[in-house]
Amino acid sequence: MTTNEEEWKSISALWQTSHREVSETALRRLIAAERRGLVGATLAEIVVLGVFLYVSLVVARDGLALWEAVWLVTLWTFAAVAAAFAWWNRRRTWNGIGRSVAEYRRLRATKHLRSIRFAWALFVAEIVVVAAELAWFDRFTVLAAVILAALALPLGVWSIWAKKRAARETALADMSEPAG
């Protein structure tokens, strides 16, 4: 997280002028949960990239056929696009920290919804590219089509969970704003 000195002063001033008591324990739990989530997501991404690297090395060990080289370029291109989006989406949330907890929660909800849209767009692009490559190298079979279609199931489950999480963030933002 990068925050300049003026932002810290502003946050500090808002905190000090607040008349509302906030439990230190609750804040510590919230910060710890946020940190665990970010660390967990980062570790999962590192593991996935490590698996990609291992598979790439295994495939390339004895030389590459044309279809293997195309597959590796496709794999790493989509991995780079996904990693760049994840970094941008997280940075955008932290940089736009907002002037209130409610504003920050809305930013988080927006981040979740943006992630869902990106994931589905990337998934469709991957399916189109992989199906085209499989057809190009005469490897597209009914089983391949079923496997590609089945990959939508975990993405669908995650999308439902992420939409619910975004709705929860928005509801909490609405609750935390003073009635006016």
C-alpha atoms as a PDB file:
ATOM      1  CA  MET A   1       0.000   0.000   0.000  1.00  0.00           C
ATOM      2  CA  THR A   2       1.365   3.391  -0.914  1.00  0.00           C
ATOM      3  CA  THR A   3      -0.051   6.358   0.909  1.00  0.00           C
ATOM      4  CA  ASN A   4       1.511   9.789   0.890  1.00  0.00           C
ATOM      5  CA  GLU A   5       2.060  11.848   4.037  1.00  0.00           C
ATOM      6  CA  GLU A   6      -0.890  14.167   3.354  1.00  0.00           C
ATOM      7  CA  GLU A   7      -3.288  11.222   3.139  1.00  0.00           C
ATOM      8  CA  TRP A   8      -2.023   9.921   6.489  1.00  0.00           C
ATOM      9  CA  LYS A   9      -2.443  13.347   8.084  1.00  0.00           C
ATOM     10  CA  SER A  10      -5.952  13.617   6.678  1.00  0.00           C
ATOM     11  CA  ILE A  11      -6.908  10.172   7.942  1.00  0.00           C
ATOM     12  CA  SER A  12      -5.343  10.917  11.307  1.00  0.00           C
ATOM     13  CA  ALA A  13      -7.239  14.203  11.609  1.00  0.00           C
ATOM     14  CA  LEU A  14     -10.534  12.513  10.740  1.00  0.00           C
ATOM     15  CA  TRP A  15      -9.824   9.795  13.291  1.00  0.00           C
ATOM     16  CA  GLN A  16      -8.973  12.249  16.056  1.00  0.00           C
ATOM     17  CA  THR A  17     -12.049  14.425  15.469  1.00  0.00           C
ATOM     18  CA  SER A  18     -14.391  11.465  15.451  1.00  0.00           C
ATOM     19  CA  HIS A  19     -16.771  11.328  18.389  1.00  0.00           C
ATOM     20  CA  ARG A  20     -17.604   7.710  17.795  1.00  0.00           C
ATOM     21  CA  GLU A  21     -15.889   5.073  19.897  1.00  0.00           C
ATOM     22  CA  VAL A  22     -14.382   2.236  17.917  1.00  0.00           C
ATOM     23  CA  SER A  23     -13.264  -0.933  19.605  1.00  0.00           C
ATOM     24  CA  GLU A  24      -9.538  -1.465  19.213  1.00  0.00           C
ATOM     25  CA  THR A  25     -10.111  -5.211  19.202  1.00  0.00           C
ATOM     26  CA  ALA A  26     -12.580  -4.951  16.330  1.00  0.00           C
ATOM     27  CA  LEU A  27     -10.167  -2.803  14.337  1.00  0.00           C
ATOM     28  CA  ARG A  28      -7.312  -5.217  14.937  1.00  0.00           C
ATOM     29  CA  ARG A  29      -9.483  -8.127  13.804  1.00  0.00           C
ATOM     30  CA  LEU A  30     -10.557  -6.249  10.678  1.00  0.00           C
ATOM     31  CA  ILE A  31      -6.991  -5.313   9.768  1.00  0.00           C
ATOM     32  CA  ALA A  32      -5.762  -8.859  10.454  1.00  0.00           C
ATOM     33  CA  ALA A  33      -8.536 -10.355   8.321  1.00  0.00           C
ATOM     34  CA  GLU A  34      -7.760  -7.967   5.467  1.00  0.00           C
ATOM     35  CA  ARG A  35      -4.063  -8.774   5.695  1.00  0.00           C
ATOM     36  CA  ARG A  36      -4.733 -12.546   5.785  1.00  0.00           C
ATOM     37  CA  GLY A  37      -6.941 -12.222   2.717  1.00  0.00           C
ATOM     38  CA  LEU A  38      -4.320 -10.307   0.743  1.00  0.00           C
ATOM     39  CA  VAL A  39      -1.537 -12.660   1.810  1.00  0.00           C
ATOM     40  CA  GLY A  40      -3.680 -15.694   0.970  1.00  0.00           C
ATOM     41  CA  ALA A  41      -4.577 -14.346  -2.468  1.00  0.00           C
ATOM     42  CA  THR A  42      -0.954 -13.472  -3.196  1.00  0.00           C
ATOM     43  CA  LEU A  43       0.270 -16.905  -2.079  1.00  0.00           C
ATOM     44  CA  ALA A  44      -2.380 -18.636  -4.199  1.00  0.00           C
ATOM     45  CA  GLU A  45      -1.300 -16.602  -7.224  1.00  0.00           C
ATOM     46  CA  ILE A  46       2.363 -17.440  -6.593  1.00  0.00           C
ATOM     47  CA  VAL A  47       1.491 -21.152  -6.330  1.00  0.00           C
ATOM     48  CA  VAL A  48      -0.452 -21.027  -9.612  1.00  0.00           C
ATOM     49  CA  LEU A  49       2.440 -19.288 -11.368  1.00  0.00           C
ATOM     50  CA  GLY A  50       4.837 -21.835  -9.835  1.00  0.00           C
ATOM     51  CA  VAL A  51       2.714 -24.685 -11.217  1.00  0.00           C
ATOM     52  CA  PHE A  52       2.657 -22.956 -14.618  1.00  0.00           C
ATOM     53  CA  LEU A  53       6.432 -22.617 -14.510  1.00  0.00           C
ATOM     54  CA  TYR A  54       6.899 -26.279 -13.532  1.00  0.00           C
ATOM     55  CA  VAL A  55       4.561 -27.472 -16.301  1.00  0.00           C
ATOM     56  CA  SER A  56       6.343 -25.193 -18.777  1.00  0.00           C
ATOM     57  CA  LEU A  57       9.733 -26.624 -17.826  1.00  0.00           C
ATOM     58  CA  VAL A  58       8.459 -30.205 -18.057  1.00  0.00           C
ATOM     59  CA  VAL A  59       6.973 -29.555 -21.493  1.00  0.00           C
ATOM     60  CA  ALA A  60      10.085 -27.750 -22.758  1.00  0.00           C
ATOM     61  CA  ARG A  61      12.582 -30.258 -21.314  1.00  0.00           C
ATOM     62  CA  ASP A  62      12.840 -32.426 -24.433  1.00  0.00           C
ATOM     63  CA  GLY A  63      12.278 -29.665 -26.972  1.00  0.00           C
ATOM     64  CA  LEU A  64       9.029 -28.162 -28.133  1.00  0.00           C
ATOM     65  CA  ALA A  65       6.713 -29.205 -30.896  1.00  0.00           C
ATOM     66  CA  LEU A  66       4.940 -26.294 -32.591  1.00  0.00           C
ATOM     67  CA  TRP A  67       1.659 -26.920 -30.741  1.00  0.00           C
ATOM     68  CA  GLU A  68       3.501 -27.014 -27.382  1.00  0.00           C
ATOM     69  CA  ALA A  69       5.231 -23.709 -28.096  1.00  0.00           C
ATOM     70  CA  VAL A  70       1.918 -22.115 -29.067  1.00  0.00           C
ATOM     71  CA  TRP A  71       0.301 -23.547 -25.913  1.00  0.00           C
ATOM     72  CA  LEU A  72       3.081 -22.147 -23.688  1.00  0.00           C
ATOM     73  CA  VAL A  73       2.881 -18.706 -25.295  1.00  0.00           C
ATOM     74  CA  THR A  74      -0.900 -18.753 -24.798  1.00  0.00           C
ATOM     75  CA  LEU A  75      -0.579 -19.890 -21.184  1.00  0.00           C
ATOM     76  CA  TRP A  76       1.940 -17.208 -20.236  1.00  0.00           C
ATOM     77  CA  THR A  77       0.125 -14.476 -22.177  1.00  0.00           C
ATOM     78  CA  PHE A  78      -3.129 -15.109 -20.330  1.00  0.00           C
ATOM     79  CA  ALA A  79      -1.251 -15.457 -17.008  1.00  0.00           C
ATOM     80  CA  ALA A  80       0.410 -12.077 -17.609  1.00  0.00           C
ATOM     81  CA  VAL A  81      -2.917 -10.435 -18.475  1.00  0.00           C
ATOM     82  CA  ALA A  82      -4.546 -11.891 -15.341  1.00  0.00           C
ATOM     83  CA  ALA A  83      -1.629 -10.881 -13.084  1.00  0.00           C
ATOM     84  CA  ALA A  84      -1.614  -7.348 -14.491  1.00  0.00           C
ATOM     85  CA  PHE A  85      -5.350  -7.006 -13.876  1.00  0.00           C
ATOM     86  CA  ALA A  86      -5.070  -8.341 -10.319  1.00  0.00           C
ATOM     87  CA  TRP A  87      -2.293  -5.873  -9.527  1.00  0.00           C
ATOM     88  CA  TRP A  88      -4.155  -2.949 -11.111  1.00  0.00           C
ATOM     89  CA  ASN A  89      -7.439  -3.823  -9.393  1.00  0.00           C
ATOM     90  CA  ARG A  90      -5.823  -4.081  -5.946  1.00  0.00           C
ATOM     91  CA  ARG A  91      -3.769  -0.898  -6.400  1.00  0.00           C
ATOM     92  CA  ARG A  92      -6.845   0.975  -7.516  1.00  0.00           C
ATOM     93  CA  THR A  93      -8.688  -0.042  -4.356  1.00  0.00           C
ATOM     94  CA  TRP A  94      -5.839   1.020  -2.071  1.00  0.00           C
ATOM     95  CA  ASN A  95      -5.055   4.252  -3.917  1.00  0.00           C
ATOM     96  CA  GLY A  96      -8.664   5.383  -3.816  1.00  0.00           C
ATOM     97  CA  ILE A  97      -8.976   4.797  -0.090  1.00  0.00           C
ATOM     98  CA  GLY A  98     -11.826   7.288   0.205  1.00  0.00           C
ATOM     99  CA  ARG A  99     -12.885   9.677   2.938  1.00  0.00           C
ATOM    100  CA  SER A 100     -14.973   7.238   4.932  1.00  0.00           C
ATOM    101  CA  VAL A 101     -15.386   3.591   5.762  1.00  0.00           C
ATOM    102  CA  ALA A 102     -18.551   3.568   3.654  1.00  0.00           C
ATOM    103  CA  GLU A 103     -16.677   4.945   0.652  1.00  0.00           C
ATOM    104  CA  TYR A 104     -13.940   2.337   1.085  1.00  0.00           C
ATOM    105  CA  ARG A 105     -16.525  -0.456   1.315  1.00  0.00           C
ATOM    106  CA  ARG A 106     -18.100   0.777  -1.914  1.00  0.00           C
ATOM    107  CA  LEU A 107     -14.667   0.744  -3.555  1.00  0.00           C
ATOM    108  CA  ARG A 108     -14.217  -2.865  -2.405  1.00  0.00           C
ATOM    109  CA  ALA A 109     -17.633  -3.796  -3.813  1.00  0.00           C
ATOM    110  CA  THR A 110     -16.688  -2.165  -7.108  1.00  0.00           C
ATOM    111  CA  LYS A 111     -13.418  -4.129  -7.085  1.00  0.00           C
ATOM    112  CA  HIS A 112     -15.311  -7.403  -6.637  1.00  0.00           C
ATOM    113  CA  LEU A 113     -17.752  -6.615  -9.439  1.00  0.00           C
ATOM    114  CA  ARG A 114     -14.910  -5.512 -11.733  1.00  0.00           C
ATOM    115  CA  SER A 115     -13.124  -8.800 -10.980  1.00  0.00           C
ATOM    116  CA  ILE A 116     -16.209 -10.809 -11.961  1.00  0.00           C
ATOM    117  CA  ARG A 117     -16.560  -9.000 -15.286  1.00  0.00           C
ATOM    118  CA  PHE A 118     -12.847  -9.377 -16.019  1.00  0.00           C
ATOM    119  CA  ALA A 119     -12.808 -13.076 -15.083  1.00  0.00           C
ATOM    120  CA  TRP A 120     -15.678 -13.884 -17.430  1.00  0.00           C
ATOM    121  CA  ALA A 121     -14.195 -11.820 -20.273  1.00  0.00           C
ATOM    122  CA  LEU A 122     -10.827 -13.529 -19.813  1.00  0.00           C
ATOM    123  CA  PHE A 123     -12.515 -16.946 -19.582  1.00  0.00           C
ATOM    124  CA  VAL A 124     -14.393 -16.414 -22.856  1.00  0.00           C
ATOM    125  CA  ALA A 125     -11.201 -15.179 -24.557  1.00  0.00           C
ATOM    126  CA  GLU A 126      -9.283 -18.210 -23.260  1.00  0.00           C
ATOM    127  CA  ILE A 127     -11.983 -20.632 -24.435  1.00  0.00           C
ATOM    128  CA  VAL A 128     -12.045 -19.065 -27.906  1.00  0.00           C
ATOM    129  CA  VAL A 129      -8.250 -19.073 -28.228  1.00  0.00           C
ATOM    130  CA  VAL A 130      -7.782 -22.585 -26.821  1.00  0.00           C
ATOM    131  CA  ALA A 131     -10.595 -24.026 -28.969  1.00  0.00           C
ATOM    132  CA  ALA A 132      -9.066 -22.360 -32.045  1.00  0.00           C
ATOM    133  CA  GLU A 133      -5.629 -23.725 -31.192  1.00  0.00           C
ATOM    134  CA  LEU A 134      -7.007 -27.207 -30.597  1.00  0.00           C
ATOM    135  CA  ALA A 135      -8.812 -27.070 -33.951  1.00  0.00           C
ATOM    136  CA  TRP A 136      -5.705 -25.671 -35.665  1.00  0.00           C
ATOM    137  CA  PHE A 137      -3.610 -28.592 -34.440  1.00  0.00           C
ATOM    138  CA  ASP A 138      -6.412 -31.097 -35.101  1.00  0.00           C
ATOM    139  CA  ARG A 139      -6.783 -31.925 -31.396  1.00  0.00           C
ATOM    140  CA  PHE A 140     -10.309 -30.597 -30.782  1.00  0.00           C
ATOM    141  CA  THR A 141     -12.485 -33.488 -29.608  1.00  0.00           C
ATOM    142  CA  VAL A 142     -15.833 -33.864 -27.865  1.00  0.00           C
ATOM    143  CA  LEU A 143     -13.975 -34.550 -24.610  1.00  0.00           C
ATOM    144  CA  ALA A 144     -11.968 -31.328 -25.044  1.00  0.00           C
ATOM    145  CA  ALA A 145     -15.206 -29.366 -25.618  1.00  0.00           C
ATOM    146  CA  VAL A 146     -16.788 -30.901 -22.498  1.00  0.00           C
ATOM    147  CA  ILE A 147     -13.722 -30.094 -20.388  1.00  0.00           C
ATOM    148  CA  LEU A 148     -13.640 -26.508 -21.647  1.00  0.00           C
ATOM    149  CA  ALA A 149     -17.359 -26.104 -20.897  1.00  0.00           C
ATOM    150  CA  ALA A 150     -16.978 -27.703 -17.443  1.00  0.00           C
ATOM    151  CA  LEU A 151     -14.377 -25.098 -16.522  1.00  0.00           C
ATOM    152  CA  ALA A 152     -17.212 -22.561 -16.373  1.00  0.00           C
ATOM    153  CA  LEU A 153     -18.655 -24.281 -13.277  1.00  0.00           C
ATOM    154  CA  PRO A 154     -16.036 -23.180 -10.711  1.00  0.00           C
ATOM    155  CA  LEU A 155     -16.020 -19.707 -12.264  1.00  0.00           C
ATOM    156  CA  GLY A 156     -19.791 -19.560 -11.918  1.00  0.00           C
ATOM    157  CA  VAL A 157     -19.641 -20.610  -8.258  1.00  0.00           C
ATOM    158  CA  TRP A 158     -16.944 -18.016  -7.550  1.00  0.00           C
ATOM    159  CA  SER A 159     -18.977 -15.341  -9.373  1.00  0.00           C
ATOM    160  CA  ILE A 160     -22.023 -15.996  -7.194  1.00  0.00           C
ATOM    161  CA  TRP A 161     -19.863 -15.795  -4.045  1.00  0.00           C
ATOM    162  CA  ALA A 162     -18.160 -12.575  -5.216  1.00  0.00           C
ATOM    163  CA  LYS A 163     -21.498 -10.927  -6.114  1.00  0.00           C
ATOM    164  CA  LYS A 164     -22.826 -11.758  -2.658  1.00  0.00           C
ATOM    165  CA  ARG A 165     -19.669 -10.343  -1.102  1.00  0.00           C
ATOM    166  CA  ALA A 166     -20.031  -7.124  -3.128  1.00  0.00           C
ATOM    167  CA  ALA A 167     -23.673  -6.832  -2.058  1.00  0.00           C
ATOM    168  CA  ARG A 168     -22.621  -7.349   1.574  1.00  0.00           C
ATOM    169  CA  GLU A 169     -19.962  -4.627   1.244  1.00  0.00           C
ATOM    170  CA  THR A 170     -22.532  -2.227  -0.220  1.00  0.00           C
ATOM    171  CA  ALA A 171     -25.048  -3.036   2.538  1.00  0.00           C
ATOM    172  CA  LEU A 172     -22.384  -2.453   5.206  1.00  0.00           C
ATOM    173  CA  ALA A 173     -21.470   0.842   3.538  1.00  0.00           C
ATOM    174  CA  ASP A 174     -25.094   1.919   3.618  1.00  0.00           C
ATOM    175  CA  MET A 175     -25.359   0.957   7.304  1.00  0.00           C
ATOM    176  CA  SER A 176     -22.176   2.779   8.312  1.00  0.00           C
ATOM    177  CA  GLU A 177     -23.215   6.114   6.838  1.00  0.00           C
ATOM    178  CA  PRO A 178     -25.015   8.427   9.213  1.00  0.00           C
ATOM    179  CA  ALA A 179     -28.672   9.018   8.359  1.00  0.00           C
ATOM    180  CA  GLY A 180     -29.086  12.450   6.908  1.00  0.00           C
END
